[in-house]
């Protein structure tokens, strides 16, 4: 998860990620505060970051990284570039 914040002179990036298997990142918005929390499987918060909602430019969620090597990925299907149909 990436949070982009307006700091007045530009935009600053804060990265929050689930550091262990089974953990997840949750985002909440209440009373003008955006809260990003890493939680365990049981829902226990591990760490939390809070930002003023008025300063948040974007909250970007990135997909989980694959654990398989790229060579194990299925072949792409569909048209190849340059073919005319």
N, C-alpha and C. Protein backbone atom coordinates (compact mmCIF):
# COMPACT_ATOMS: atom_id res chain seq x y z
N UNK A 1 0.86 -1.15 0.00
CA UNK A 1 0.00 0.00 0.00
C UNK A 1 0.91 1.22 0.00
N UNK A 2 0.54 2.17 -0.78
CA UNK A 2 1.30 3.41 -0.89
C UNK A 2 0.35 4.57 -0.62
N UNK A 3 0.77 5.52 0.21
CA UNK A 3 -0.04 6.69 0.49
C UNK A 3 0.76 7.92 0.07
N UNK A 4 0.16 8.75 -0.79
CA UNK A 4 0.81 9.97 -1.27
C UNK A 4 0.19 11.15 -0.54
N UNK A 5 1.06 11.97 0.10
CA UNK A 5 0.62 13.07 0.95
C UNK A 5 1.15 14.39 0.41
N UNK A 6 0.29 15.41 0.36
CA UNK A 6 0.69 16.77 -0.01
C UNK A 6 1.36 17.40 1.20
N UNK A 7 2.66 17.72 1.06
CA UNK A 7 3.41 18.31 2.18
C UNK A 7 3.65 19.80 1.98
N UNK A 8 2.97 20.41 1.03
CA UNK A 8 3.11 21.84 0.81
C UNK A 8 4.10 22.18 -0.28
N UNK A 9 5.26 21.56 -0.26
CA UNK A 9 6.28 21.82 -1.29
C UNK A 9 6.34 20.70 -2.32
N UNK A 10 5.43 19.77 -2.25
CA UNK A 10 5.40 18.64 -3.17
C UNK A 10 4.59 17.51 -2.57
N UNK A 11 4.84 16.32 -3.07
CA UNK A 11 4.13 15.13 -2.61
C UNK A 11 5.14 14.16 -2.02
N UNK A 12 4.83 13.63 -0.86
CA UNK A 12 5.71 12.66 -0.22
C UNK A 12 5.03 11.30 -0.22
N UNK A 13 5.82 10.24 -0.42
CA UNK A 13 5.31 8.88 -0.51
C UNK A 13 5.60 8.12 0.79
N UNK A 14 4.57 7.43 1.31
CA UNK A 14 4.73 6.56 2.46
C UNK A 14 4.30 5.16 2.05
N UNK A 15 5.14 4.18 2.30
CA UNK A 15 4.82 2.80 1.94
C UNK A 15 4.51 1.98 3.18
N UNK A 16 3.42 1.25 3.13
CA UNK A 16 3.03 0.36 4.21
C UNK A 16 2.74 -0.99 3.57
N UNK A 17 3.38 -2.05 4.07
CA UNK A 17 3.11 -3.36 3.49
C UNK A 17 3.01 -4.41 4.58
N UNK A 18 2.31 -5.50 4.24
CA UNK A 18 2.19 -6.63 5.16
C UNK A 18 3.54 -7.34 5.15
N UNK A 19 4.23 -7.32 6.28
CA UNK A 19 5.61 -7.79 6.33
C UNK A 19 5.75 -9.30 6.49
N UNK A 20 4.69 -10.00 6.85
CA UNK A 20 4.75 -11.45 7.03
C UNK A 20 3.58 -12.12 6.34
N UNK A 21 3.73 -13.40 6.06
CA UNK A 21 2.66 -14.16 5.44
C UNK A 21 1.43 -14.16 6.34
N UNK A 22 0.27 -14.02 5.75
CA UNK A 22 -0.97 -14.04 6.51
C UNK A 22 -1.42 -12.69 7.01
N UNK A 23 -0.57 -11.69 6.94
CA UNK A 23 -0.97 -10.35 7.38
C UNK A 23 -1.59 -9.60 6.21
N UNK A 24 -2.36 -8.60 6.54
CA UNK A 24 -3.01 -7.78 5.51
C UNK A 24 -2.96 -6.32 5.93
N UNK A 25 -3.26 -5.45 4.98
CA UNK A 25 -3.28 -4.01 5.26
C UNK A 25 -4.71 -3.54 5.07
N UNK A 26 -5.23 -2.84 6.07
CA UNK A 26 -6.59 -2.31 6.01
C UNK A 26 -6.54 -0.79 6.02
N UNK A 27 -7.49 -0.17 5.31
CA UNK A 27 -7.56 1.29 5.24
C UNK A 27 -8.91 1.73 5.78
N UNK A 28 -8.90 2.73 6.65
CA UNK A 28 -10.13 3.30 7.19
C UNK A 28 -10.10 4.81 7.08
N UNK A 29 -11.30 5.41 7.03
CA UNK A 29 -11.40 6.85 6.92
C UNK A 29 -12.52 7.31 7.86
N UNK A 30 -12.16 8.06 8.90
CA UNK A 30 -13.17 8.53 9.84
C UNK A 30 -12.73 9.87 10.44
N UNK A 31 -13.67 10.80 10.54
CA UNK A 31 -13.44 12.10 11.17
C UNK A 31 -12.23 12.85 10.62
N UNK A 32 -12.05 12.78 9.30
CA UNK A 32 -10.98 13.54 8.68
C UNK A 32 -9.60 12.91 8.80
N UNK A 33 -9.53 11.66 9.21
CA UNK A 33 -8.25 10.95 9.35
C UNK A 33 -8.30 9.68 8.52
N UNK A 34 -7.27 9.46 7.72
CA UNK A 34 -7.10 8.20 6.98
C UNK A 34 -6.14 7.35 7.79
N UNK A 35 -6.57 6.14 8.13
CA UNK A 35 -5.76 5.24 8.95
C UNK A 35 -5.44 3.99 8.15
N UNK A 36 -4.15 3.67 8.05
CA UNK A 36 -3.69 2.47 7.34
C UNK A 36 -3.05 1.57 8.39
N UNK A 37 -3.58 0.34 8.52
CA UNK A 37 -3.15 -0.56 9.58
C UNK A 37 -2.74 -1.91 9.02
N UNK A 38 -1.60 -2.41 9.48
CA UNK A 38 -1.19 -3.79 9.17
C UNK A 38 -1.75 -4.66 10.29
N UNK A 39 -2.53 -5.69 9.93
CA UNK A 39 -3.15 -6.55 10.94
C UNK A 39 -2.80 -8.02 10.69
N UNK A 40 -2.83 -8.81 11.78
CA UNK A 40 -2.57 -10.25 11.68
C UNK A 40 -3.83 -10.96 11.22
N UNK A 41 -3.74 -12.27 11.04
CA UNK A 41 -4.91 -13.06 10.63
C UNK A 41 -6.06 -12.94 11.62
N UNK A 42 -5.73 -12.83 12.90
CA UNK A 42 -6.77 -12.74 13.92
C UNK A 42 -7.33 -11.33 14.08
N UNK A 43 -6.76 -10.36 13.37
CA UNK A 43 -7.26 -8.99 13.43
C UNK A 43 -6.55 -8.09 14.41
N UNK A 44 -5.46 -8.57 15.01
CA UNK A 44 -4.68 -7.75 15.94
C UNK A 44 -3.84 -6.75 15.17
N UNK A 45 -3.96 -5.45 15.45
CA UNK A 45 -3.14 -4.46 14.74
C UNK A 45 -1.67 -4.59 15.12
N UNK A 46 -0.79 -4.54 14.10
CA UNK A 46 0.65 -4.63 14.32
C UNK A 46 1.24 -3.22 14.31
N UNK A 47 0.90 -2.44 13.30
CA UNK A 47 1.35 -1.05 13.23
C UNK A 47 0.33 -0.24 12.47
N UNK A 48 0.28 1.04 12.77
CA UNK A 48 -0.73 1.92 12.20
C UNK A 48 -0.10 3.23 11.78
N UNK A 49 -0.55 3.75 10.64
CA UNK A 49 -0.13 5.08 10.17
C UNK A 49 -1.41 5.91 10.00
N UNK A 50 -1.37 7.15 10.47
CA UNK A 50 -2.54 8.03 10.37
C UNK A 50 -2.15 9.30 9.62
N UNK A 51 -3.06 9.74 8.74
CA UNK A 51 -2.81 10.92 7.91
C UNK A 51 -4.07 11.79 7.91
N UNK A 52 -3.89 13.11 7.85
CA UNK A 52 -5.02 14.02 7.69
C UNK A 52 -5.62 13.80 6.31
N UNK A 53 -6.91 13.54 6.25
CA UNK A 53 -7.57 13.23 4.98
C UNK A 53 -7.43 14.37 3.97
N UNK A 54 -7.41 15.62 4.44
CA UNK A 54 -7.29 16.77 3.55
C UNK A 54 -5.95 16.80 2.83
N UNK A 55 -4.93 16.14 3.39
CA UNK A 55 -3.59 16.13 2.80
C UNK A 55 -3.33 14.91 1.92
N UNK A 56 -4.20 13.90 1.98
CA UNK A 56 -3.99 12.67 1.21
C UNK A 56 -4.33 12.94 -0.25
N UNK A 57 -3.34 12.69 -1.12
CA UNK A 57 -3.53 12.85 -2.56
C UNK A 57 -4.05 11.55 -3.16
N UNK A 58 -3.46 10.41 -2.74
CA UNK A 58 -3.87 9.11 -3.28
C UNK A 58 -3.48 8.00 -2.32
N UNK A 59 -4.27 6.93 -2.35
CA UNK A 59 -3.95 5.69 -1.66
C UNK A 59 -3.91 4.63 -2.74
N UNK A 60 -2.74 4.02 -2.94
CA UNK A 60 -2.54 3.08 -4.04
C UNK A 60 -2.28 1.70 -3.46
N UNK A 61 -3.07 0.73 -3.90
CA UNK A 61 -2.88 -0.65 -3.46
C UNK A 61 -2.16 -1.42 -4.57
N UNK A 62 -1.05 -2.04 -4.21
CA UNK A 62 -0.28 -2.83 -5.16
C UNK A 62 -0.61 -4.30 -4.95
N UNK A 63 -0.67 -5.10 -6.03
CA UNK A 63 -0.96 -6.52 -5.86
C UNK A 63 0.17 -7.24 -5.12
N UNK A 64 -0.17 -8.33 -4.48
CA UNK A 64 0.84 -9.12 -3.77
C UNK A 64 1.85 -9.66 -4.77
N UNK A 65 3.08 -9.77 -4.33
CA UNK A 65 4.12 -10.32 -5.21
C UNK A 65 3.91 -11.82 -5.38
N UNK A 66 4.15 -12.31 -6.60
CA UNK A 66 4.06 -13.75 -6.86
C UNK A 66 5.26 -14.45 -6.26
N UNK A 67 5.03 -15.62 -5.74
CA UNK A 67 6.13 -16.40 -5.17
C UNK A 67 6.73 -17.35 -6.20
N UNK A 68 6.04 -17.55 -7.34
CA UNK A 68 6.55 -18.42 -8.40
C UNK A 68 7.46 -17.63 -9.33
N UNK A 69 8.48 -18.30 -9.90
CA UNK A 69 9.31 -17.61 -10.88
C UNK A 69 8.52 -17.28 -12.13
N UNK A 70 8.93 -16.27 -12.85
CA UNK A 70 8.21 -15.82 -14.05
C UNK A 70 8.13 -16.91 -15.11
N UNK A 71 9.09 -17.84 -15.17
CA UNK A 71 9.07 -18.89 -16.19
C UNK A 71 7.93 -19.87 -15.97
N UNK A 72 7.36 -19.94 -14.77
CA UNK A 72 6.26 -20.85 -14.47
C UNK A 72 4.91 -20.25 -14.82
N UNK A 73 4.88 -19.00 -15.25
CA UNK A 73 3.63 -18.34 -15.60
C UNK A 73 3.07 -18.94 -16.88
N UNK A 74 1.74 -19.01 -17.00
CA UNK A 74 1.15 -19.56 -18.23
C UNK A 74 1.45 -18.65 -19.42
N UNK A 75 1.53 -19.21 -20.61
CA UNK A 75 1.83 -18.38 -21.79
C UNK A 75 0.69 -17.40 -22.06
N UNK A 76 1.04 -16.25 -22.61
CA UNK A 76 0.03 -15.24 -22.94
C UNK A 76 -0.78 -15.71 -24.13
N UNK A 77 -2.06 -15.37 -24.15
CA UNK A 77 -2.92 -15.70 -25.28
C UNK A 77 -3.39 -14.42 -25.93
N UNK A 78 -3.93 -14.54 -27.13
CA UNK A 78 -4.44 -13.35 -27.81
C UNK A 78 -3.56 -12.99 -28.99
N UNK A 79 -3.89 -11.88 -29.63
CA UNK A 79 -3.16 -11.44 -30.80
C UNK A 79 -1.79 -10.94 -30.45
N UNK A 80 -0.86 -11.21 -31.32
CA UNK A 80 0.49 -10.69 -31.19
C UNK A 80 0.53 -9.33 -31.89
N UNK A 81 1.41 -8.46 -31.42
CA UNK A 81 1.53 -7.15 -32.04
C UNK A 81 1.96 -7.25 -33.50
N UNK A 82 1.42 -6.41 -34.35
CA UNK A 82 1.82 -6.37 -35.75
C UNK A 82 0.95 -7.20 -36.67
N UNK A 83 0.06 -8.01 -36.15
CA UNK A 83 -0.81 -8.81 -37.01
C UNK A 83 -2.00 -7.95 -37.45
N UNK A 84 -2.36 -8.06 -38.69
CA UNK A 84 -3.53 -7.35 -39.20
C UNK A 84 -4.67 -8.33 -39.35
N UNK A 85 -5.85 -7.98 -38.85
CA UNK A 85 -7.02 -8.86 -39.00
C UNK A 85 -8.21 -8.04 -39.39
